[in-house]
Amino acid sequence: MEEADYALLAQFRHTLRQFLVFSEDKAASFGLTPQQHQALLAIRAAPEGGATIGYVAERLILKPHSASGLVDRLETQGWLTRAPSAQDRRQAMLLLTDKARVALEGLSATHREEIRRLRPMLSDLLERLG
């Protein structure tokens, strides 16, 4: 590793952190924590019949009991509901409410714009780190 490599890595991490701060601020503007936003996004993106607590735990890299608590809070706040799984009655399917769908639509549009804004910087950094 040379000095320039450390500078590139530092810049790359700084750019990622800029995106995370942007994301945290946008989620907060909808009354969501970053983890809640990520959970709603994972549920929205889950394959048909795949949005379970286990799936949320996997996608957010959480222990199942932590994912369960997160889902409980989202349900209490009106972001999702649970329905029994048609395949396995022991599992509950997680369903987004209209409130969550509207929030995700707004959040996803602004995030996509920010990713497009950062893309040239990240592409350049990745090319130089390659």
N, C-alpha and C. Protein backbone atom coordinates (compact mmCIF):
# COMPACT_ATOMS: atom_id res chain seq x y z
N MET A 1 0.85 -1.18 0.00
CA MET A 1 0.00 0.00 0.00
C MET A 1 0.89 1.24 0.00
N GLU A 2 0.52 2.17 -0.85
CA GLU A 2 1.24 3.44 -0.90
C GLU A 2 0.37 4.53 -0.29
N GLU A 3 0.96 5.69 -0.06
CA GLU A 3 0.23 6.81 0.56
C GLU A 3 -1.02 7.17 -0.24
N ALA A 4 -0.92 7.15 -1.55
CA ALA A 4 -2.07 7.49 -2.39
C ALA A 4 -3.22 6.49 -2.20
N ASP A 5 -2.88 5.24 -1.93
CA ASP A 5 -3.91 4.22 -1.70
C ASP A 5 -4.72 4.54 -0.44
N TYR A 6 -4.03 4.98 0.60
CA TYR A 6 -4.72 5.34 1.84
C TYR A 6 -5.64 6.54 1.61
N ALA A 7 -5.16 7.49 0.84
CA ALA A 7 -5.98 8.68 0.54
C ALA A 7 -7.22 8.28 -0.26
N LEU A 8 -7.07 7.36 -1.22
CA LEU A 8 -8.22 6.90 -2.00
C LEU A 8 -9.22 6.15 -1.12
N LEU A 9 -8.73 5.28 -0.25
CA LEU A 9 -9.62 4.56 0.65
C LEU A 9 -10.36 5.51 1.59
N ALA A 10 -9.64 6.51 2.08
CA ALA A 10 -10.27 7.49 2.96
C ALA A 10 -11.35 8.26 2.22
N GLN A 11 -11.07 8.64 0.98
CA GLN A 11 -12.06 9.37 0.18
C GLN A 11 -13.27 8.51 -0.14
N PHE A 12 -13.02 7.24 -0.44
CA PHE A 12 -14.11 6.31 -0.72
C PHE A 12 -15.03 6.17 0.50
N ARG A 13 -14.43 5.96 1.67
CA ARG A 13 -15.23 5.85 2.90
C ARG A 13 -15.96 7.15 3.21
N HIS A 14 -15.34 8.27 2.94
CA HIS A 14 -15.98 9.57 3.15
C HIS A 14 -17.21 9.72 2.25
N THR A 15 -17.08 9.31 1.00
CA THR A 15 -18.19 9.40 0.06
C THR A 15 -19.33 8.47 0.49
N LEU A 16 -19.00 7.27 0.93
CA LEU A 16 -20.03 6.36 1.45
C LEU A 16 -20.72 6.97 2.67
N ARG A 17 -19.94 7.58 3.54
CA ARG A 17 -20.51 8.20 4.75
C ARG A 17 -21.43 9.36 4.37
N GLN A 18 -21.05 10.12 3.35
CA GLN A 18 -21.92 11.21 2.88
C GLN A 18 -23.28 10.64 2.48
N PHE A 19 -23.27 9.53 1.76
CA PHE A 19 -24.52 8.92 1.34
C PHE A 19 -25.32 8.45 2.56
N LEU A 20 -24.65 7.84 3.52
CA LEU A 20 -25.35 7.36 4.70
C LEU A 20 -25.98 8.50 5.49
N VAL A 21 -25.27 9.60 5.64
CA VAL A 21 -25.82 10.77 6.34
C VAL A 21 -27.03 11.31 5.58
N PHE A 22 -26.92 11.40 4.26
CA PHE A 22 -28.04 11.81 3.43
C PHE A 22 -29.24 10.89 3.69
N SER A 23 -29.00 9.58 3.66
CA SER A 23 -30.06 8.59 3.84
C SER A 23 -30.69 8.70 5.23
N GLU A 24 -29.86 8.86 6.25
CA GLU A 24 -30.36 8.99 7.62
C GLU A 24 -31.27 10.21 7.75
N ASP A 25 -30.85 11.33 7.17
CA ASP A 25 -31.64 12.56 7.23
C ASP A 25 -32.97 12.41 6.51
N LYS A 26 -32.96 11.78 5.35
CA LYS A 26 -34.19 11.59 4.58
C LYS A 26 -35.15 10.67 5.32
N ALA A 27 -34.64 9.59 5.89
CA ALA A 27 -35.49 8.67 6.66
C ALA A 27 -36.12 9.40 7.84
N ALA A 28 -35.32 10.21 8.53
CA ALA A 28 -35.82 10.96 9.69
C ALA A 28 -36.93 11.92 9.29
N SER A 29 -36.86 12.46 8.08
CA SER A 29 -37.89 13.40 7.65
C SER A 29 -39.25 12.71 7.49
N PHE A 30 -39.25 11.38 7.40
CA PHE A 30 -40.49 10.60 7.35
C PHE A 30 -40.82 9.96 8.70
N GLY A 31 -40.01 10.27 9.71
CA GLY A 31 -40.23 9.71 11.04
C GLY A 31 -39.69 8.30 11.20
N LEU A 32 -38.73 7.93 10.37
CA LEU A 32 -38.14 6.59 10.41
C LEU A 32 -36.69 6.65 10.85
N THR A 33 -36.25 5.61 11.54
CA THR A 33 -34.82 5.46 11.79
C THR A 33 -34.20 4.84 10.53
N PRO A 34 -32.89 4.92 10.36
CA PRO A 34 -32.27 4.28 9.20
C PRO A 34 -32.57 2.78 9.14
N GLN A 35 -32.57 2.12 10.29
CA GLN A 35 -32.84 0.68 10.31
C GLN A 35 -34.29 0.38 9.92
N GLN A 36 -35.21 1.22 10.35
CA GLN A 36 -36.61 1.03 9.96
C GLN A 36 -36.78 1.23 8.46
N HIS A 37 -36.13 2.25 7.92
CA HIS A 37 -36.18 2.48 6.48
C HIS A 37 -35.63 1.27 5.73
N GLN A 38 -34.50 0.76 6.19
CA GLN A 38 -33.89 -0.39 5.53
C GLN A 38 -34.80 -1.61 5.61
N ALA A 39 -35.47 -1.80 6.75
CA ALA A 39 -36.39 -2.94 6.90
C ALA A 39 -37.57 -2.81 5.94
N LEU A 40 -38.15 -1.62 5.85
CA LEU A 40 -39.27 -1.42 4.93
C LEU A 40 -38.84 -1.66 3.49
N LEU A 41 -37.66 -1.19 3.15
CA LEU A 41 -37.15 -1.40 1.80
C LEU A 41 -36.93 -2.89 1.52
N ALA A 42 -36.40 -3.60 2.48
CA ALA A 42 -36.18 -5.05 2.31
C ALA A 42 -37.51 -5.77 2.14
N ILE A 43 -38.51 -5.39 2.93
CA ILE A 43 -39.83 -6.01 2.81
C ILE A 43 -40.43 -5.72 1.45
N ARG A 44 -40.31 -4.49 0.99
CA ARG A 44 -40.85 -4.10 -0.32
C ARG A 44 -40.17 -4.86 -1.45
N ALA A 45 -38.88 -5.13 -1.30
CA ALA A 45 -38.10 -5.79 -2.35
C ALA A 45 -38.10 -7.32 -2.25
N ALA A 46 -38.71 -7.85 -1.20
CA ALA A 46 -38.69 -9.30 -0.99
C ALA A 46 -39.42 -10.02 -2.12
N PRO A 47 -38.96 -11.21 -2.46
CA PRO A 47 -39.68 -12.00 -3.46
C PRO A 47 -41.08 -12.34 -2.93
N GLU A 48 -41.97 -12.67 -3.82
CA GLU A 48 -43.35 -13.02 -3.45
C GLU A 48 -43.36 -14.07 -2.34
N GLY A 49 -44.03 -13.75 -1.26
CA GLY A 49 -44.13 -14.69 -0.14
C GLY A 49 -42.88 -14.78 0.71
N GLY A 50 -41.93 -13.86 0.52
CA GLY A 50 -40.66 -13.96 1.24
C GLY A 50 -40.46 -12.98 2.36
N ALA A 51 -41.40 -12.07 2.58
CA ALA A 51 -41.21 -11.04 3.60
C ALA A 51 -41.63 -11.58 4.96
N THR A 52 -40.68 -12.16 5.65
CA THR A 52 -40.90 -12.70 6.99
C THR A 52 -39.89 -12.04 7.93
N ILE A 53 -40.05 -12.29 9.21
CA ILE A 53 -39.08 -11.77 10.17
C ILE A 53 -37.70 -12.35 9.89
N GLY A 54 -37.66 -13.64 9.54
CA GLY A 54 -36.38 -14.26 9.20
C GLY A 54 -35.71 -13.59 8.01
N TYR A 55 -36.52 -13.21 7.03
CA TYR A 55 -35.98 -12.52 5.84
C TYR A 55 -35.43 -11.16 6.24
N VAL A 56 -36.17 -10.42 7.07
CA VAL A 56 -35.70 -9.11 7.53
C VAL A 56 -34.40 -9.28 8.31
N ALA A 57 -34.33 -10.28 9.17
CA ALA A 57 -33.11 -10.53 9.94
C ALA A 57 -31.93 -10.78 9.01
N GLU A 58 -32.16 -11.60 7.99
CA GLU A 58 -31.10 -11.91 7.02
C GLU A 58 -30.65 -10.67 6.27
N ARG A 59 -31.59 -9.91 5.74
CA ARG A 59 -31.26 -8.76 4.90
C ARG A 59 -30.61 -7.62 5.69
N LEU A 60 -30.96 -7.49 6.98
CA LEU A 60 -30.40 -6.42 7.80
C LEU A 60 -29.24 -6.91 8.67
N ILE A 61 -28.92 -8.21 8.52
CA ILE A 61 -27.84 -8.83 9.29
C ILE A 61 -28.09 -8.63 10.79
N LEU A 62 -29.26 -9.09 11.22
CA LEU A 62 -29.69 -9.00 12.61
C LEU A 62 -29.97 -10.39 13.16
N LYS A 63 -29.93 -10.51 14.46
CA LYS A 63 -30.41 -11.73 15.11
C LYS A 63 -31.94 -11.74 14.99
N PRO A 64 -32.55 -12.92 14.87
CA PRO A 64 -34.01 -12.98 14.73
C PRO A 64 -34.79 -12.21 15.80
N HIS A 65 -34.33 -12.26 17.06
CA HIS A 65 -35.07 -11.54 18.10
C HIS A 65 -34.98 -10.03 17.92
N SER A 66 -33.86 -9.54 17.39
CA SER A 66 -33.73 -8.11 17.11
C SER A 66 -34.64 -7.70 15.96
N ALA A 67 -34.71 -8.55 14.94
CA ALA A 67 -35.60 -8.28 13.81
C ALA A 67 -37.06 -8.30 14.26
N SER A 68 -37.38 -9.20 15.17
CA SER A 68 -38.73 -9.29 15.69
C SER A 68 -39.12 -8.00 16.42
N GLY A 69 -38.23 -7.47 17.23
CA GLY A 69 -38.49 -6.22 17.93
C GLY A 69 -38.66 -5.06 16.96
N LEU A 70 -37.83 -5.04 15.93
CA LEU A 70 -37.92 -4.00 14.91
C LEU A 70 -39.26 -4.07 14.20
N VAL A 71 -39.68 -5.26 13.82
CA VAL A 71 -40.96 -5.45 13.15
C VAL A 71 -42.11 -5.07 14.08
N ASP A 72 -42.00 -5.43 15.36
CA ASP A 72 -43.04 -5.04 16.32
C ASP A 72 -43.21 -3.52 16.35
N ARG A 73 -42.10 -2.79 16.39
CA ARG A 73 -42.17 -1.32 16.43
C ARG A 73 -42.77 -0.76 15.13
N LEU A 74 -42.37 -1.33 14.00
CA LEU A 74 -42.93 -0.88 12.72
C LEU A 74 -44.43 -1.13 12.66
N GLU A 75 -44.85 -2.25 13.19
CA GLU A 75 -46.28 -2.56 13.19
C GLU A 75 -47.04 -1.60 14.12
N THR A 76 -46.51 -1.35 15.30
CA THR A 76 -47.13 -0.44 16.26
C THR A 76 -47.27 0.97 15.67
N GLN A 77 -46.29 1.38 14.87
CA GLN A 77 -46.29 2.72 14.28
C GLN A 77 -47.09 2.80 12.98
N GLY A 78 -47.67 1.68 12.56
CA GLY A 78 -48.54 1.69 11.39
C GLY A 78 -47.83 1.57 10.05
N TRP A 79 -46.60 1.07 10.05
CA TRP A 79 -45.85 0.92 8.80
C TRP A 79 -46.09 -0.42 8.12
N LEU A 80 -46.50 -1.43 8.90
CA LEU A 80 -46.74 -2.75 8.32
C LEU A 80 -47.78 -3.51 9.13
N THR A 81 -48.26 -4.57 8.52
CA THR A 81 -49.16 -5.50 9.20
C THR A 81 -48.62 -6.91 8.98
N ARG A 82 -49.18 -7.85 9.73
CA ARG A 82 -48.79 -9.25 9.60
C ARG A 82 -50.00 -10.06 9.15
N ALA A 83 -49.74 -11.06 8.34
CA ALA A 83 -50.78 -11.99 7.91
C ALA A 83 -50.21 -13.40 7.98
N PRO A 84 -51.03 -14.38 8.33
CA PRO A 84 -50.52 -15.76 8.37
C PRO A 84 -50.05 -16.20 6.99
N SER A 85 -48.96 -16.94 6.97
CA SER A 85 -48.44 -17.48 5.72
C SER A 85 -49.35 -18.60 5.23
N ALA A 86 -49.62 -18.60 3.94
CA ALA A 86 -50.44 -19.66 3.35
C ALA A 86 -49.68 -20.99 3.34
N GLN A 87 -48.34 -20.95 3.25
CA GLN A 87 -47.53 -22.16 3.19
C GLN A 87 -47.18 -22.72 4.57
N ASP A 88 -47.00 -21.83 5.54
CA ASP A 88 -46.55 -22.26 6.86
C ASP A 88 -47.24 -21.39 7.91
N ARG A 89 -48.22 -21.93 8.57
CA ARG A 89 -49.02 -21.17 9.55
C ARG A 89 -48.19 -20.65 10.73
N ARG A 90 -46.99 -21.21 10.92
CA ARG A 90 -46.13 -20.73 12.01
C ARG A 90 -45.47 -19.41 11.67
N GLN A 91 -45.43 -19.07 10.39
CA GLN A 91 -44.79 -17.83 9.94
C GLN A 91 -45.83 -16.76 9.66
N ALA A 92 -45.41 -15.53 9.87
CA ALA A 92 -46.26 -14.39 9.52
C ALA A 92 -45.62 -13.68 8.34
N MET A 93 -46.43 -13.34 7.36
CA MET A 93 -45.97 -12.55 6.23
C MET A 93 -46.07 -11.08 6.61
N LEU A 94 -45.08 -10.30 6.24
CA LEU A 94 -45.06 -8.87 6.56
C LEU A 94 -45.56 -8.10 5.34
N LEU A 95 -46.56 -7.27 5.57
CA LEU A 95 -47.19 -6.51 4.49
C LEU A 95 -47.09 -5.02 4.80
N LEU A 96 -46.62 -4.26 3.83
CA LEU A 96 -46.51 -2.82 4.00
C LEU A 96 -47.88 -2.17 3.95
N THR A 97 -48.06 -1.15 4.76
CA THR A 97 -49.29 -0.36 4.71
C THR A 97 -49.16 0.69 3.61
N ASP A 98 -50.26 1.34 3.29
CA ASP A 98 -50.21 2.43 2.31
C ASP A 98 -49.26 3.53 2.77
N LYS A 99 -49.26 3.80 4.06
CA LYS A 99 -48.35 4.80 4.65
C LYS A 99 -46.90 4.46 4.30
N ALA A 100 -46.53 3.19 4.46
CA ALA A 100 -45.16 2.76 4.17
C ALA A 100 -44.86 2.84 2.68
N ARG A 101 -45.82 2.46 1.85
CA ARG A 101 -45.61 2.50 0.39
C ARG A 101 -45.38 3.93 -0.09
N VAL A 102 -46.14 4.86 0.43
CA VAL A 102 -45.98 6.27 0.04
C VAL A 102 -44.61 6.79 0.50
N ALA A 103 -44.25 6.48 1.74
CA ALA A 103 -42.95 6.93 2.26
C ALA A 103 -41.81 6.34 1.44
N LEU A 104 -41.89 5.04 1.15
CA LEU A 104 -40.82 4.39 0.37
C LEU A 104 -40.71 4.97 -1.03
N GLU A 105 -41.84 5.30 -1.63
CA GLU A 105 -41.79 5.89 -2.97
C GLU A 105 -41.01 7.20 -2.95
N GLY A 106 -41.30 8.04 -1.97
CA GLY A 106 -40.57 9.31 -1.86
C GLY A 106 -39.11 9.11 -1.51
N LEU A 107 -38.85 8.25 -0.53
CA LEU A 107 -37.47 8.00 -0.12
C LEU A 107 -36.65 7.38 -1.25
N SER A 108 -37.24 6.44 -1.96
CA SER A 108 -36.50 5.76 -3.02
C SER A 108 -36.17 6.70 -4.17
N ALA A 109 -37.09 7.59 -4.51
CA ALA A 109 -36.83 8.55 -5.58
C ALA A 109 -35.67 9.47 -5.21
N THR A 110 -35.67 9.99 -3.98
CA THR A 110 -34.58 10.89 -3.59
C THR A 110 -33.26 10.15 -3.45
N HIS A 111 -33.31 8.90 -2.99
CA HIS A 111 -32.08 8.12 -2.88
C HIS A 111 -31.50 7.82 -4.26
N ARG A 112 -32.35 7.52 -5.18
CA ARG A 112 -31.87 7.24 -6.54
C ARG A 112 -31.19 8.48 -7.14
N GLU A 113 -31.77 9.65 -6.91
CA GLU A 113 -31.15 10.90 -7.38
C GLU A 113 -29.78 11.10 -6.75
N GLU A 114 -29.69 10.84 -5.45
CA GLU A 114 -28.40 11.01 -4.76
C GLU A 114 -27.37 10.01 -5.27
N ILE A 115 -27.77 8.79 -5.52
CA ILE A 115 -26.85 7.79 -6.07
C ILE A 115 -26.37 8.24 -7.44
N ARG A 116 -27.26 8.76 -8.24
CA ARG A 116 -26.86 9.26 -9.56
C ARG A 116 -25.87 10.41 -9.43
N ARG A 117 -26.07 11.26 -8.41
CA ARG A 117 -25.16 12.38 -8.20
C ARG A 117 -23.78 11.89 -7.77
N LEU A 118 -23.75 10.86 -6.93
CA LEU A 118 -22.48 10.34 -6.42
C LEU A 118 -21.79 9.36 -7.36
N ARG A 119 -22.52 8.85 -8.33
CA ARG A 119 -21.98 7.81 -9.21
C ARG A 119 -20.65 8.18 -9.86
N PRO A 120 -20.51 9.37 -10.46
CA PRO A 120 -19.21 9.68 -11.08
C PRO A 120 -18.06 9.63 -10.08
N MET A 121 -18.30 10.17 -8.87
CA MET A 121 -17.26 10.15 -7.85
C MET A 121 -16.90 8.73 -7.45
N LEU A 122 -17.93 7.91 -7.19
CA LEU A 122 -17.68 6.53 -6.77
C LEU A 122 -17.03 5.72 -7.89
N SER A 123 -17.51 5.92 -9.11
CA SER A 123 -16.91 5.20 -10.25
C SER A 123 -15.44 5.53 -10.39
N ASP A 124 -15.12 6.81 -10.26
CA ASP A 124 -13.72 7.24 -10.35
C ASP A 124 -12.89 6.62 -9.24
N LEU A 125 -13.41 6.67 -8.02
CA LEU A 125 -12.67 6.10 -6.90
C LEU A 125 -12.48 4.59 -7.07
N LEU A 126 -13.53 3.90 -7.48
CA LEU A 126 -13.42 2.45 -7.68
C LEU A 126 -12.42 2.11 -8.79
N GLU A 127 -12.44 2.89 -9.84
CA GLU A 127 -11.48 2.68 -10.94
C GLU A 127 -10.05 2.86 -10.45
N ARG A 128 -9.85 3.90 -9.65
CA ARG A 128 -8.50 4.18 -9.17
C ARG A 128 -8.06 3.19 -8.10
N LEU A 129 -9.02 2.63 -7.35
CA LEU A 129 -8.69 1.63 -6.33
C LEU A 129 -8.45 0.26 -6.94
N GLY A 130 -9.09 0.01 -8.09
CA GLY A 130 -9.07 -1.29 -8.77
C GLY A 130 -7.74 -1.88 -8.91
